[in-house]
């Protein structure tokens, strides 16, 4: 049966790969995760990074709109 990892653990592992000079293999060994799994998480992380920033922009736009709404 496959081991399940929380989003927090996945993020920590991916950020360690991205923010250090250690390779995927080294980080994967430390956390006892297959390197291909870490590579997949890294690819998902990068593919969804733009969505994080676009959500921030959407939230700010909605907040701006809400400030202009007057309740009767």
PDB file of N, CA and C in Angstrom:
ATOM      1  N   UNK A   1       0.835  -1.179   0.000  1.00  0.00           N
ATOM      2  CA  UNK A   1       0.000   0.000   0.000  1.00  0.00           C
ATOM      3  C   UNK A   1       0.880   1.243   0.000  1.00  0.00           C
ATOM      4  N   UNK A   2       0.491   2.249  -0.770  1.00  0.00           N
ATOM      5  CA  UNK A   2       1.261   3.477  -0.875  1.00  0.00           C
ATOM      6  C   UNK A   2       1.162   4.302   0.397  1.00  0.00           C
ATOM      7  N   UNK A   3       2.254   4.951   0.719  1.00  0.00           N
ATOM      8  CA  UNK A   3       2.274   5.835   1.870  1.00  0.00           C
ATOM      9  C   UNK A   3       1.660   7.175   1.461  1.00  0.00           C
ATOM     10  N   UNK A   4       0.864   7.762   2.328  1.00  0.00           N
ATOM     11  CA  UNK A   4       0.217   9.048   2.052  1.00  0.00           C
ATOM     12  C   UNK A   4       0.985  10.157   2.770  1.00  0.00           C
ATOM     13  N   UNK A   5       1.162  11.272   2.082  1.00  0.00           N
ATOM     14  CA  UNK A   5       1.870  12.412   2.647  1.00  0.00           C
ATOM     15  C   UNK A   5       0.944  13.619   2.643  1.00  0.00           C
ATOM     16  N   UNK A   6       0.999  14.397   3.698  1.00  0.00           N
ATOM     17  CA  UNK A   6       0.173  15.600   3.780  1.00  0.00           C
ATOM     18  C   UNK A   6       0.717  16.660   2.827  1.00  0.00           C
ATOM     19  N   UNK A   7      -0.118  17.626   2.518  1.00  0.00           N
ATOM     20  CA  UNK A   7       0.306  18.735   1.659  1.00  0.00           C
ATOM     21  C   UNK A   7       1.472  19.480   2.300  1.00  0.00           C
ATOM     22  N   UNK A   8       1.456  19.579   3.614  1.00  0.00           N
ATOM     23  CA  UNK A   8       2.533  20.269   4.331  1.00  0.00           C
ATOM     24  C   UNK A   8       3.871  19.560   4.133  1.00  0.00           C
ATOM     25  N   UNK A   9       3.875  18.256   4.238  1.00  0.00           N
ATOM     26  CA  UNK A   9       5.110  17.478   4.065  1.00  0.00           C
ATOM     27  C   UNK A   9       5.595  17.575   2.620  1.00  0.00           C
ATOM     28  N   UNK A  10       4.675  17.440   1.675  1.00  0.00           N
ATOM     29  CA  UNK A  10       5.052  17.550   0.259  1.00  0.00           C
ATOM     30  C   UNK A  10       5.676  18.909  -0.022  1.00  0.00           C
ATOM     31  N   UNK A  11       5.054  19.961   0.494  1.00  0.00           N
ATOM     32  CA  UNK A  11       5.569  21.317   0.280  1.00  0.00           C
ATOM     33  C   UNK A  11       6.954  21.479   0.882  1.00  0.00           C
ATOM     34  N   UNK A  12       7.131  20.968   2.098  1.00  0.00           N
ATOM     35  CA  UNK A  12       8.428  21.083   2.767  1.00  0.00           C
ATOM     36  C   UNK A  12       9.518  20.400   1.949  1.00  0.00           C
ATOM     37  N   UNK A  13       9.212  19.218   1.427  1.00  0.00           N
ATOM     38  CA  UNK A  13      10.189  18.458   0.648  1.00  0.00           C
ATOM     39  C   UNK A  13      10.514  19.186  -0.654  1.00  0.00           C
ATOM     40  N   UNK A  14       9.484  19.647  -1.352  1.00  0.00           N
ATOM     41  CA  UNK A  14       9.711  20.346  -2.624  1.00  0.00           C
ATOM     42  C   UNK A  14      10.496  21.633  -2.395  1.00  0.00           C
ATOM     43  N   UNK A  15      10.136  22.389  -1.373  1.00  0.00           N
ATOM     44  CA  UNK A  15      10.862  23.630  -1.097  1.00  0.00           C
ATOM     45  C   UNK A  15      12.315  23.357  -0.739  1.00  0.00           C
ATOM     46  N   UNK A  16      12.571  22.271  -0.054  1.00  0.00           N
ATOM     47  CA  UNK A  16      13.954  21.920   0.261  1.00  0.00           C
ATOM     48  C   UNK A  16      14.742  21.645  -1.019  1.00  0.00           C
ATOM     49  N   UNK A  17      14.130  20.986  -1.978  1.00  0.00           N
ATOM     50  CA  UNK A  17      14.789  20.733  -3.266  1.00  0.00           C
ATOM     51  C   UNK A  17      15.053  22.057  -3.983  1.00  0.00           C
ATOM     52  N   UNK A  18      14.056  22.937  -3.998  1.00  0.00           N
ATOM     53  CA  UNK A  18      14.163  24.181  -4.756  1.00  0.00           C
ATOM     54  C   UNK A  18      15.067  25.218  -4.098  1.00  0.00           C
ATOM     55  N   UNK A  19      15.129  25.227  -2.783  1.00  0.00           N
ATOM     56  CA  UNK A  19      15.851  26.281  -2.076  1.00  0.00           C
ATOM     57  C   UNK A  19      17.265  25.904  -1.655  1.00  0.00           C
ATOM     58  N   UNK A  20      17.662  24.678  -1.893  1.00  0.00           N
ATOM     59  CA  UNK A  20      19.013  24.259  -1.528  1.00  0.00           C
ATOM     60  C   UNK A  20      19.727  23.738  -2.769  1.00  0.00           C
ATOM     61  N   UNK A  21      20.998  23.481  -2.609  1.00  0.00           N
ATOM     62  CA  UNK A  21      21.763  22.931  -3.733  1.00  0.00           C
ATOM     63  C   UNK A  21      21.740  21.406  -3.734  1.00  0.00           C
ATOM     64  N   UNK A  22      20.930  20.834  -2.848  1.00  0.00           N
ATOM     65  CA  UNK A  22      20.804  19.375  -2.797  1.00  0.00           C
ATOM     66  C   UNK A  22      19.916  18.904  -3.935  1.00  0.00           C
ATOM     67  N   UNK A  23      20.217  17.764  -4.451  1.00  0.00           N
ATOM     68  CA  UNK A  23      19.428  17.207  -5.538  1.00  0.00           C
ATOM     69  C   UNK A  23      18.197  16.476  -5.032  1.00  0.00           C
ATOM     70  N   UNK A  24      17.336  16.127  -5.982  1.00  0.00           N
ATOM     71  CA  UNK A  24      16.114  15.399  -5.650  1.00  0.00           C
ATOM     72  C   UNK A  24      16.451  14.079  -4.958  1.00  0.00           C
ATOM     73  N   UNK A  25      17.445  13.370  -5.460  1.00  0.00           N
ATOM     74  CA  UNK A  25      17.812  12.075  -4.890  1.00  0.00           C
ATOM     75  C   UNK A  25      18.214  12.169  -3.430  1.00  0.00           C
ATOM     76  N   UNK A  26      19.001  13.178  -3.106  1.00  0.00           N
ATOM     77  CA  UNK A  26      19.462  13.356  -1.734  1.00  0.00           C
ATOM     78  C   UNK A  26      18.304  13.664  -0.788  1.00  0.00           C
ATOM     79  N   UNK A  27      17.442  14.572  -1.198  1.00  0.00           N
ATOM     80  CA  UNK A  27      16.285  14.940  -0.369  1.00  0.00           C
ATOM     81  C   UNK A  27      15.326  13.757  -0.251  1.00  0.00           C
ATOM     82  N   UNK A  28      15.109  13.057  -1.351  1.00  0.00           N
ATOM     83  CA  UNK A  28      14.206  11.901  -1.345  1.00  0.00           C
ATOM     84  C   UNK A  28      14.701  10.828  -0.371  1.00  0.00           C
ATOM     85  N   UNK A  29      16.004  10.570  -0.368  1.00  0.00           N
ATOM     86  CA  UNK A  29      16.571   9.582   0.560  1.00  0.00           C
ATOM     87  C   UNK A  29      16.360  10.007   2.012  1.00  0.00           C
ATOM     88  N   UNK A  30      16.575  11.284   2.277  1.00  0.00           N
ATOM     89  CA  UNK A  30      16.418  11.788   3.647  1.00  0.00           C
ATOM     90  C   UNK A  30      14.998  11.552   4.172  1.00  0.00           C
ATOM     91  N   UNK A  31      14.010  11.745   3.310  1.00  0.00           N
ATOM     92  CA  UNK A  31      12.608  11.604   3.717  1.00  0.00           C
ATOM     93  C   UNK A  31      12.035  10.226   3.384  1.00  0.00           C
ATOM     94  N   UNK A  32      12.871   9.349   2.857  1.00  0.00           N
ATOM     95  CA  UNK A  32      12.449   7.993   2.497  1.00  0.00           C
ATOM     96  C   UNK A  32      11.272   8.005   1.514  1.00  0.00           C
ATOM     97  N   UNK A  33      11.434   8.818   0.465  1.00  0.00           N
ATOM     98  CA  UNK A  33      10.431   8.940  -0.597  1.00  0.00           C
ATOM     99  C   UNK A  33      11.142   8.634  -1.911  1.00  0.00           C
ATOM    100  N   UNK A  34      10.476   7.966  -2.823  1.00  0.00           N
ATOM    101  CA  UNK A  34      11.084   7.655  -4.115  1.00  0.00           C
ATOM    102  C   UNK A  34      11.356   8.965  -4.864  1.00  0.00           C
ATOM    103  N   UNK A  35      12.521   9.094  -5.497  1.00  0.00           N
ATOM    104  CA  UNK A  35      12.858  10.319  -6.223  1.00  0.00           C
ATOM    105  C   UNK A  35      11.822  10.707  -7.287  1.00  0.00           C
ATOM    106  N   UNK A  36      11.232   9.724  -7.964  1.00  0.00           N
ATOM    107  CA  UNK A  36      10.212  10.055  -8.966  1.00  0.00           C
ATOM    108  C   UNK A  36       8.991  10.706  -8.326  1.00  0.00           C
ATOM    109  N   UNK A  37       8.676  10.298  -7.109  1.00  0.00           N
ATOM    110  CA  UNK A  37       7.557  10.909  -6.390  1.00  0.00           C
ATOM    111  C   UNK A  37       7.865  12.368  -6.097  1.00  0.00           C
ATOM    112  N   UNK A  38       9.075  12.640  -5.626  1.00  0.00           N
ATOM    113  CA  UNK A  38       9.479  14.020  -5.339  1.00  0.00           C
ATOM    114  C   UNK A  38       9.474  14.839  -6.626  1.00  0.00           C
ATOM    115  N   UNK A  39       9.947  14.260  -7.712  1.00  0.00           N
ATOM    116  CA  UNK A  39       9.955  14.958  -9.002  1.00  0.00           C
ATOM    117  C   UNK A  39       8.526  15.298  -9.433  1.00  0.00           C
ATOM    118  N   UNK A  40       7.599  14.366  -9.247  1.00  0.00           N
ATOM    119  CA  UNK A  40       6.193  14.634  -9.585  1.00  0.00           C
ATOM    120  C   UNK A  40       5.632  15.768  -8.734  1.00  0.00           C
ATOM    121  N   UNK A  41       5.940  15.759  -7.439  1.00  0.00           N
ATOM    122  CA  UNK A  41       5.471  16.835  -6.558  1.00  0.00           C
ATOM    123  C   UNK A  41       6.051  18.177  -6.994  1.00  0.00           C
ATOM    124  N   UNK A  42       7.331  18.172  -7.366  1.00  0.00           N
ATOM    125  CA  UNK A  42       7.976  19.407  -7.819  1.00  0.00           C
ATOM    126  C   UNK A  42       7.287  19.930  -9.082  1.00  0.00           C
ATOM    127  N   UNK A  43       6.992  19.039 -10.022  1.00  0.00           N
ATOM    128  CA  UNK A  43       6.313  19.448 -11.254  1.00  0.00           C
ATOM    129  C   UNK A  43       4.923  20.001 -10.964  1.00  0.00           C
ATOM    130  N   UNK A  44       4.189  19.366 -10.050  1.00  0.00           N
ATOM    131  CA  UNK A  44       2.861  19.856  -9.672  1.00  0.00           C
ATOM    132  C   UNK A  44       2.964  21.223  -9.005  1.00  0.00           C
ATOM    133  N   UNK A  45       3.953  21.375  -8.157  1.00  0.00           N
ATOM    134  CA  UNK A  45       4.184  22.630  -7.450  1.00  0.00           C
ATOM    135  C   UNK A  45       4.426  23.762  -8.450  1.00  0.00           C
ATOM    136  N   UNK A  46       5.301  23.517  -9.405  1.00  0.00           N
ATOM    137  CA  UNK A  46       5.625  24.536 -10.405  1.00  0.00           C
ATOM    138  C   UNK A  46       4.436  24.823 -11.316  1.00  0.00           C
ATOM    139  N   UNK A  47       3.696  23.795 -11.689  1.00  0.00           N
ATOM    140  CA  UNK A  47       2.550  23.969 -12.587  1.00  0.00           C
ATOM    141  C   UNK A  47       1.436  24.776 -11.931  1.00  0.00           C
ATOM    142  N   UNK A  48       1.333  24.691 -10.613  1.00  0.00           N
ATOM    143  CA  UNK A  48       0.247  25.372  -9.914  1.00  0.00           C
ATOM    144  C   UNK A  48       0.670  26.679  -9.254  1.00  0.00           C
ATOM    145  N   UNK A  49       1.916  27.061  -9.379  1.00  0.00           N
ATOM    146  CA  UNK A  49       2.399  28.284  -8.743  1.00  0.00           C
ATOM    147  C   UNK A  49       1.659  29.514  -9.264  1.00  0.00           C
ATOM    148  N   UNK A  50       1.393  29.567 -10.553  1.00  0.00           N
ATOM    149  CA  UNK A  50       0.702  30.721 -11.133  1.00  0.00           C
ATOM    150  C   UNK A  50      -0.702  30.864 -10.550  1.00  0.00           C
ATOM    151  N   UNK A  51      -1.343  29.756 -10.281  1.00  0.00           N
ATOM    152  CA  UNK A  51      -2.699  29.777  -9.724  1.00  0.00           C
ATOM    153  C   UNK A  51      -2.722  30.452  -8.351  1.00  0.00           C
ATOM    154  N   UNK A  52      -1.688  30.250  -7.573  1.00  0.00           N
ATOM    155  CA  UNK A  52      -1.617  30.862  -6.248  1.00  0.00           C
ATOM    156  C   UNK A  52      -1.653  32.377  -6.376  1.00  0.00           C
ATOM    157  N   UNK A  53      -0.874  32.911  -7.304  1.00  0.00           N
ATOM    158  CA  UNK A  53      -0.816  34.355  -7.462  1.00  0.00           C
ATOM    159  C   UNK A  53      -2.075  34.914  -8.099  1.00  0.00           C
ATOM    160  N   UNK A  54      -2.686  34.175  -8.996  1.00  0.00           N
ATOM    161  CA  UNK A  54      -3.919  34.663  -9.611  1.00  0.00           C
ATOM    162  C   UNK A  54      -5.050  34.656  -8.590  1.00  0.00           C
ATOM    163  N   UNK A  55      -5.053  33.708  -7.645  1.00  0.00           N
ATOM    164  CA  UNK A  55      -6.059  33.701  -6.580  1.00  0.00           C
ATOM    165  C   UNK A  55      -5.888  34.929  -5.703  1.00  0.00           C
ATOM    166  N   UNK A  56      -4.635  35.304  -5.399  1.00  0.00           N
ATOM    167  CA  UNK A  56      -4.388  36.496  -4.596  1.00  0.00           C
ATOM    168  C   UNK A  56      -4.963  37.722  -5.283  1.00  0.00           C
ATOM    169  N   UNK A  57      -4.770  37.803  -6.592  1.00  0.00           N
ATOM    170  CA  UNK A  57      -5.272  38.940  -7.349  1.00  0.00           C
ATOM    171  C   UNK A  57      -6.798  38.951  -7.336  1.00  0.00           C
ATOM    172  N   UNK A  58      -7.412  37.800  -7.500  1.00  0.00           N
ATOM    173  CA  UNK A  58      -8.869  37.703  -7.480  1.00  0.00           C
ATOM    174  C   UNK A  58      -9.411  38.119  -6.122  1.00  0.00           C
ATOM    175  N   UNK A  59      -8.785  37.683  -5.061  1.00  0.00           N
ATOM    176  CA  UNK A  59      -9.224  38.045  -3.711  1.00  0.00           C
ATOM    177  C   UNK A  59      -9.127  39.553  -3.516  1.00  0.00           C
ATOM    178  N   UNK A  60      -8.033  40.155  -3.952  1.00  0.00           N
ATOM    179  CA  UNK A  60      -7.872  41.605  -3.806  1.00  0.00           C
ATOM    180  C   UNK A  60      -8.927  42.353  -4.607  1.00  0.00           C
ATOM    181  N   UNK A  61      -9.221  41.876  -5.817  1.00  0.00           N
ATOM    182  CA  UNK A  61     -10.255  42.528  -6.630  1.00  0.00           C
ATOM    183  C   UNK A  61     -11.618  42.432  -5.958  1.00  0.00           C
ATOM    184  N   UNK A  62     -11.945  41.285  -5.396  1.00  0.00           N
ATOM    185  CA  UNK A  62     -13.221  41.116  -4.702  1.00  0.00           C
ATOM    186  C   UNK A  62     -13.293  41.999  -3.459  1.00  0.00           C
ATOM    187  N   UNK A  63     -12.201  42.107  -2.738  1.00  0.00           N
ATOM    188  CA  UNK A  63     -12.184  42.975  -1.562  1.00  0.00           C
ATOM    189  C   UNK A  63     -12.399  44.433  -1.972  1.00  0.00           C
ATOM    190  N   UNK A  64     -11.789  44.835  -3.062  1.00  0.00           N
ATOM    191  CA  UNK A  64     -11.950  46.197  -3.568  1.00  0.00           C
ATOM    192  C   UNK A  64     -13.410  46.447  -3.942  1.00  0.00           C
ATOM    193  N   UNK A  65     -14.023  45.479  -4.622  1.00  0.00           N
ATOM    194  CA  UNK A  65     -15.435  45.601  -4.995  1.00  0.00           C
ATOM    195  C   UNK A  65     -16.313  45.691  -3.755  1.00  0.00           C
ATOM    196  N   UNK A  66     -16.023  44.871  -2.752  1.00  0.00           N
ATOM    197  CA  UNK A  66     -16.830  44.862  -1.534  1.00  0.00           C
ATOM    198  C   UNK A  66     -16.769  46.193  -0.799  1.00  0.00           C
ATOM    199  N   UNK A  67     -15.649  46.869  -0.853  1.00  0.00           N
ATOM    200  CA  UNK A  67     -15.542  48.173  -0.198  1.00  0.00           C
ATOM    201  C   UNK A  67     -16.486  49.179  -0.843  1.00  0.00           C
ATOM    202  N   UNK A  68     -16.741  49.005  -2.132  1.00  0.00           N
ATOM    203  CA  UNK A  68     -17.620  49.927  -2.853  1.00  0.00           C
ATOM    204  C   UNK A  68     -19.097  49.613  -2.702  1.00  0.00           C
ATOM    205  N   UNK A  69     -19.424  48.461  -2.149  1.00  0.00           N
ATOM    206  CA  UNK A  69     -20.828  48.065  -1.996  1.00  0.00           C
ATOM    207  C   UNK A  69     -21.385  48.675  -0.717  1.00  0.00           C
ATOM    208  N   UNK A  70     -22.560  49.287  -0.851  1.00  0.00           N
ATOM    209  CA  UNK A  70     -23.226  49.868   0.322  1.00  0.00           C
ATOM    210  C   UNK A  70     -24.425  49.004   0.656  1.00  0.00           C
ATOM    211  N   UNK A  71     -24.533  48.663   1.916  1.00  0.00           N
ATOM    212  CA  UNK A  71     -25.676  47.863   2.357  1.00  0.00           C
ATOM    213  C   UNK A  71     -26.817  48.788   2.735  1.00  0.00           C
ATOM    214  N   UNK A  72     -28.015  48.431   2.303  1.00  0.00           N
ATOM    215  CA  UNK A  72     -29.190  49.264   2.574  1.00  0.00           C
ATOM    216  C   UNK A  72     -30.008  48.656   3.680  1.00  0.00           C
TER     217      UNK A  72
END
